[in-house]
Amino acid sequence: MLLSLLTKDEKIYFIELVRKIILIDGEVSDVEKEIVKKMRLELGNDIEKAKKLNLSFEKLVDFFVGKAKTTQKIVFLNLVSASLQDEWYNVETHMMLQEVQQKFEIQNNEKKELIKIVYAERDLREKAKRIVNE
């Protein structure tokens, strides 16, 4: 969501950050593969030719620390979205998101609003599926 607003470098760092979040629990599920595929499509051609970054989670997060608040919120929103798509939500994922929130200085009320957006999007998608399948 809103990933097209990121710069080319931000897109590359973002997709690597998403991979770190998704891979934290070990195996990548089909749902997680679809999440990455969907995000890659939204990110556009900028990341297709980019080399994979071999950076730690901390270095990927630190890349965004000096960026605009808007960029940080877009990144956080999409990380939350990616983490909630899987049926398993583990503690390590939660800790990673908490670290991102802290480093980006996202207040709890902002986090709450961003999470509401993620759930609203999920609800809308589910409602559309029900209507289409009737």
C-alpha atoms as a PDB file:
ATOM      1  CA  MET A   1       0.000   0.000   0.000  1.00  0.00           C
ATOM      2  CA  LEU A   2       1.476   3.333  -1.151  1.00  0.00           C
ATOM      3  CA  LEU A   3       4.762   1.618  -2.018  1.00  0.00           C
ATOM      4  CA  SER A   4       4.956   3.438  -5.341  1.00  0.00           C
ATOM      5  CA  LEU A   5       5.718   6.611  -3.355  1.00  0.00           C
ATOM      6  CA  LEU A   6       9.095   5.240  -2.265  1.00  0.00           C
ATOM      7  CA  THR A   7      12.293   6.112  -4.128  1.00  0.00           C
ATOM      8  CA  LYS A   8      14.183   3.420  -6.028  1.00  0.00           C
ATOM      9  CA  ASP A   9      16.661   2.853  -3.175  1.00  0.00           C
ATOM     10  CA  GLU A  10      13.878   2.844  -0.593  1.00  0.00           C
ATOM     11  CA  LYS A  11      12.015   0.212  -2.618  1.00  0.00           C
ATOM     12  CA  ILE A  12      15.076  -2.025  -2.726  1.00  0.00           C
ATOM     13  CA  TYR A  13      15.686  -1.718   1.020  1.00  0.00           C
ATOM     14  CA  PHE A  14      11.989  -2.193   1.732  1.00  0.00           C
ATOM     15  CA  ILE A  15      11.642  -5.475  -0.182  1.00  0.00           C
ATOM     16  CA  GLU A  16      14.707  -6.815   1.626  1.00  0.00           C
ATOM     17  CA  LEU A  17      13.188  -5.784   4.947  1.00  0.00           C
ATOM     18  CA  VAL A  18       9.955  -7.593   4.072  1.00  0.00           C
ATOM     19  CA  ARG A  19      11.948 -10.710   3.260  1.00  0.00           C
ATOM     20  CA  LYS A  20      13.614 -10.561   6.681  1.00  0.00           C
ATOM     21  CA  ILE A  21      10.218 -10.281   8.403  1.00  0.00           C
ATOM     22  CA  ILE A  22       8.725 -13.133   6.388  1.00  0.00           C
ATOM     23  CA  LEU A  23      11.720 -15.435   6.778  1.00  0.00           C
ATOM     24  CA  ILE A  24      11.951 -15.024  10.548  1.00  0.00           C
ATOM     25  CA  ASP A  25       9.769 -18.072  11.196  1.00  0.00           C
ATOM     26  CA  GLY A  26      11.724 -20.314   8.843  1.00  0.00           C
ATOM     27  CA  GLU A  27       9.783 -21.643   5.897  1.00  0.00           C
ATOM     28  CA  VAL A  28       8.048 -19.344   3.448  1.00  0.00           C
ATOM     29  CA  SER A  29       4.391 -20.231   2.985  1.00  0.00           C
ATOM     30  CA  ASP A  30       2.440 -19.853  -0.242  1.00  0.00           C
ATOM     31  CA  VAL A  31       0.608 -16.909   1.331  1.00  0.00           C
ATOM     32  CA  GLU A  32       3.913 -15.214   2.128  1.00  0.00           C
ATOM     33  CA  LYS A  33       5.153 -15.818  -1.426  1.00  0.00           C
ATOM     34  CA  GLU A  34       1.998 -14.136  -2.716  1.00  0.00           C
ATOM     35  CA  ILE A  35       2.548 -11.184  -0.373  1.00  0.00           C
ATOM     36  CA  VAL A  36       6.066 -10.627  -1.714  1.00  0.00           C
ATOM     37  CA  LYS A  37       4.862 -11.056  -5.291  1.00  0.00           C
ATOM     38  CA  LYS A  38       2.068  -8.512  -4.765  1.00  0.00           C
ATOM     39  CA  MET A  39       4.451  -6.027  -3.146  1.00  0.00           C
ATOM     40  CA  ARG A  40       7.036  -6.495  -5.917  1.00  0.00           C
ATOM     41  CA  LEU A  41       4.336  -5.658  -8.472  1.00  0.00           C
ATOM     42  CA  GLU A  42       3.409  -2.527  -6.554  1.00  0.00           C
ATOM     43  CA  LEU A  43       7.072  -1.535  -6.262  1.00  0.00           C
ATOM     44  CA  GLY A  44       7.402  -1.704 -10.031  1.00  0.00           C
ATOM     45  CA  ASN A  45      10.370  -2.206 -12.325  1.00  0.00           C
ATOM     46  CA  ASP A  46      12.787  -0.365 -10.028  1.00  0.00           C
ATOM     47  CA  ILE A  47      13.534  -3.501  -8.050  1.00  0.00           C
ATOM     48  CA  GLU A  48      13.530  -6.063 -10.848  1.00  0.00           C
ATOM     49  CA  LYS A  49      17.153  -5.437 -11.826  1.00  0.00           C
ATOM     50  CA  ALA A  50      18.411  -4.631  -8.353  1.00  0.00           C
ATOM     51  CA  LYS A  51      20.866  -6.909  -6.600  1.00  0.00           C
ATOM     52  CA  LYS A  52      19.760  -8.454  -3.350  1.00  0.00           C
ATOM     53  CA  LEU A  53      21.239  -6.663  -0.390  1.00  0.00           C
ATOM     54  CA  ASN A  54      23.140  -8.789   2.049  1.00  0.00           C
ATOM     55  CA  LEU A  55      22.427  -6.630   5.067  1.00  0.00           C
ATOM     56  CA  SER A  56      21.213  -7.375   8.557  1.00  0.00           C
ATOM     57  CA  PHE A  57      17.731  -6.483   9.712  1.00  0.00           C
ATOM     58  CA  GLU A  58      19.210  -3.663  11.817  1.00  0.00           C
ATOM     59  CA  LYS A  59      21.083  -2.116   8.874  1.00  0.00           C
ATOM     60  CA  LEU A  60      17.971  -2.274   6.689  1.00  0.00           C
ATOM     61  CA  VAL A  61      15.924  -0.521   9.370  1.00  0.00           C
ATOM     62  CA  ASP A  62      18.660   2.042   9.990  1.00  0.00           C
ATOM     63  CA  PHE A  63      18.548   2.986   6.293  1.00  0.00           C
ATOM     64  CA  PHE A  64      15.034   4.365   6.875  1.00  0.00           C
ATOM     65  CA  VAL A  65      15.777   6.134  10.176  1.00  0.00           C
ATOM     66  CA  GLY A  66      16.870   9.365   8.501  1.00  0.00           C
ATOM     67  CA  LYS A  67      14.058   9.306   5.936  1.00  0.00           C
ATOM     68  CA  ALA A  68      10.866  11.360   5.942  1.00  0.00           C
ATOM     69  CA  LYS A  69       8.166  10.386   8.441  1.00  0.00           C
ATOM     70  CA  THR A  70       5.845   9.640   5.526  1.00  0.00           C
ATOM     71  CA  THR A  71       8.328   7.108   4.163  1.00  0.00           C
ATOM     72  CA  GLN A  72       8.763   5.512   7.570  1.00  0.00           C
ATOM     73  CA  LYS A  73       5.005   5.167   8.052  1.00  0.00           C
ATOM     74  CA  ILE A  74       4.573   3.624   4.590  1.00  0.00           C
ATOM     75  CA  VAL A  75       7.322   1.122   5.384  1.00  0.00           C
ATOM     76  CA  PHE A  76       5.886   0.306   8.809  1.00  0.00           C
ATOM     77  CA  LEU A  77       2.331  -0.009   7.446  1.00  0.00           C
ATOM     78  CA  ASN A  78       3.440  -2.505   4.818  1.00  0.00           C
ATOM     79  CA  LEU A  79       5.611  -4.483   7.226  1.00  0.00           C
ATOM     80  CA  VAL A  80       2.627  -4.826   9.555  1.00  0.00           C
ATOM     81  CA  SER A  81       0.448  -5.833   6.631  1.00  0.00           C
ATOM     82  CA  ALA A  82       2.929  -8.486   5.495  1.00  0.00           C
ATOM     83  CA  SER A  83       3.299  -9.865   9.011  1.00  0.00           C
ATOM     84  CA  LEU A  84      -0.453 -10.207   9.533  1.00  0.00           C
ATOM     85  CA  GLN A  85      -1.173 -12.062   6.282  1.00  0.00           C
ATOM     86  CA  ASP A  86       0.320 -15.296   7.536  1.00  0.00           C
ATOM     87  CA  GLU A  87      -1.821 -17.419   9.838  1.00  0.00           C
ATOM     88  CA  TRP A  88       1.120 -17.686  12.257  1.00  0.00           C
ATOM     89  CA  TYR A  89       2.244 -14.577  14.086  1.00  0.00           C
ATOM     90  CA  ASN A  90       5.312 -15.314  16.134  1.00  0.00           C
ATOM     91  CA  VAL A  91       7.049 -13.430  18.908  1.00  0.00           C
ATOM     92  CA  GLU A  92      10.159 -12.697  16.848  1.00  0.00           C
ATOM     93  CA  THR A  93       8.041 -10.972  14.202  1.00  0.00           C
ATOM     94  CA  HIS A  94       6.407  -8.909  16.909  1.00  0.00           C
ATOM     95  CA  MET A  95       9.792  -7.949  18.345  1.00  0.00           C
ATOM     96  CA  MET A  96      11.076  -6.926  14.902  1.00  0.00           C
ATOM     97  CA  LEU A  97       8.035  -4.722  14.308  1.00  0.00           C
ATOM     98  CA  GLN A  98       8.416  -3.230  17.759  1.00  0.00           C
ATOM     99  CA  GLU A  99      12.044  -2.379  16.963  1.00  0.00           C
ATOM    100  CA  VAL A 100      10.995  -0.716  13.707  1.00  0.00           C
ATOM    101  CA  GLN A 101       8.314   1.254  15.544  1.00  0.00           C
ATOM    102  CA  GLN A 102      10.824   2.409  18.134  1.00  0.00           C
ATOM    103  CA  LYS A 103      13.540   3.369  15.639  1.00  0.00           C
ATOM    104  CA  PHE A 104      11.036   5.237  13.452  1.00  0.00           C
ATOM    105  CA  GLU A 105       9.606   6.913  16.571  1.00  0.00           C
ATOM    106  CA  ILE A 106       6.073   5.932  15.634  1.00  0.00           C
ATOM    107  CA  GLN A 107       3.770   6.705  18.525  1.00  0.00           C
ATOM    108  CA  ASN A 108       1.348   4.056  19.799  1.00  0.00           C
ATOM    109  CA  ASN A 109      -1.683   6.016  18.605  1.00  0.00           C
ATOM    110  CA  GLU A 110      -0.135   6.203  15.093  1.00  0.00           C
ATOM    111  CA  LYS A 111       0.622   2.480  15.207  1.00  0.00           C
ATOM    112  CA  LYS A 112      -2.973   1.804  16.192  1.00  0.00           C
ATOM    113  CA  GLU A 113      -4.296   3.830  13.244  1.00  0.00           C
ATOM    114  CA  LEU A 114      -1.937   2.111  10.802  1.00  0.00           C
ATOM    115  CA  ILE A 115      -3.023  -1.314  12.058  1.00  0.00           C
ATOM    116  CA  LYS A 116      -6.671  -0.283  11.626  1.00  0.00           C
ATOM    117  CA  ILE A 117      -5.900   0.441   7.971  1.00  0.00           C
ATOM    118  CA  VAL A 118      -4.406  -3.035   7.532  1.00  0.00           C
ATOM    119  CA  TYR A 119      -7.481  -4.690   9.045  1.00  0.00           C
ATOM    120  CA  ALA A 120      -9.865  -2.498   7.044  1.00  0.00           C
ATOM    121  CA  GLU A 121      -8.093  -3.559   3.849  1.00  0.00           C
ATOM    122  CA  ARG A 122      -8.317  -7.231   4.846  1.00  0.00           C
ATOM    123  CA  ASP A 123     -12.006  -6.871   5.693  1.00  0.00           C
ATOM    124  CA  LEU A 124     -12.706  -5.217   2.343  1.00  0.00           C
ATOM    125  CA  ARG A 125     -10.873  -7.991   0.483  1.00  0.00           C
ATOM    126  CA  GLU A 126     -12.814 -10.678   2.363  1.00  0.00           C
ATOM    127  CA  LYS A 127     -16.117  -8.907   1.710  1.00  0.00           C
ATOM    128  CA  ALA A 128     -15.300  -8.703  -2.001  1.00  0.00           C
ATOM    129  CA  LYS A 129     -14.478 -12.434  -2.065  1.00  0.00           C
ATOM    130  CA  ARG A 130     -17.806 -13.278  -0.424  1.00  0.00           C
ATOM    131  CA  ILE A 131     -19.786 -11.122  -2.835  1.00  0.00           C
ATOM    132  CA  VAL A 132     -17.987 -12.464  -5.892  1.00  0.00           C
ATOM    133  CA  ASN A 133     -18.490 -16.071  -4.771  1.00  0.00           C
ATOM    134  CA  GLU A 134     -22.244 -15.706  -4.099  1.00  0.00           C
END
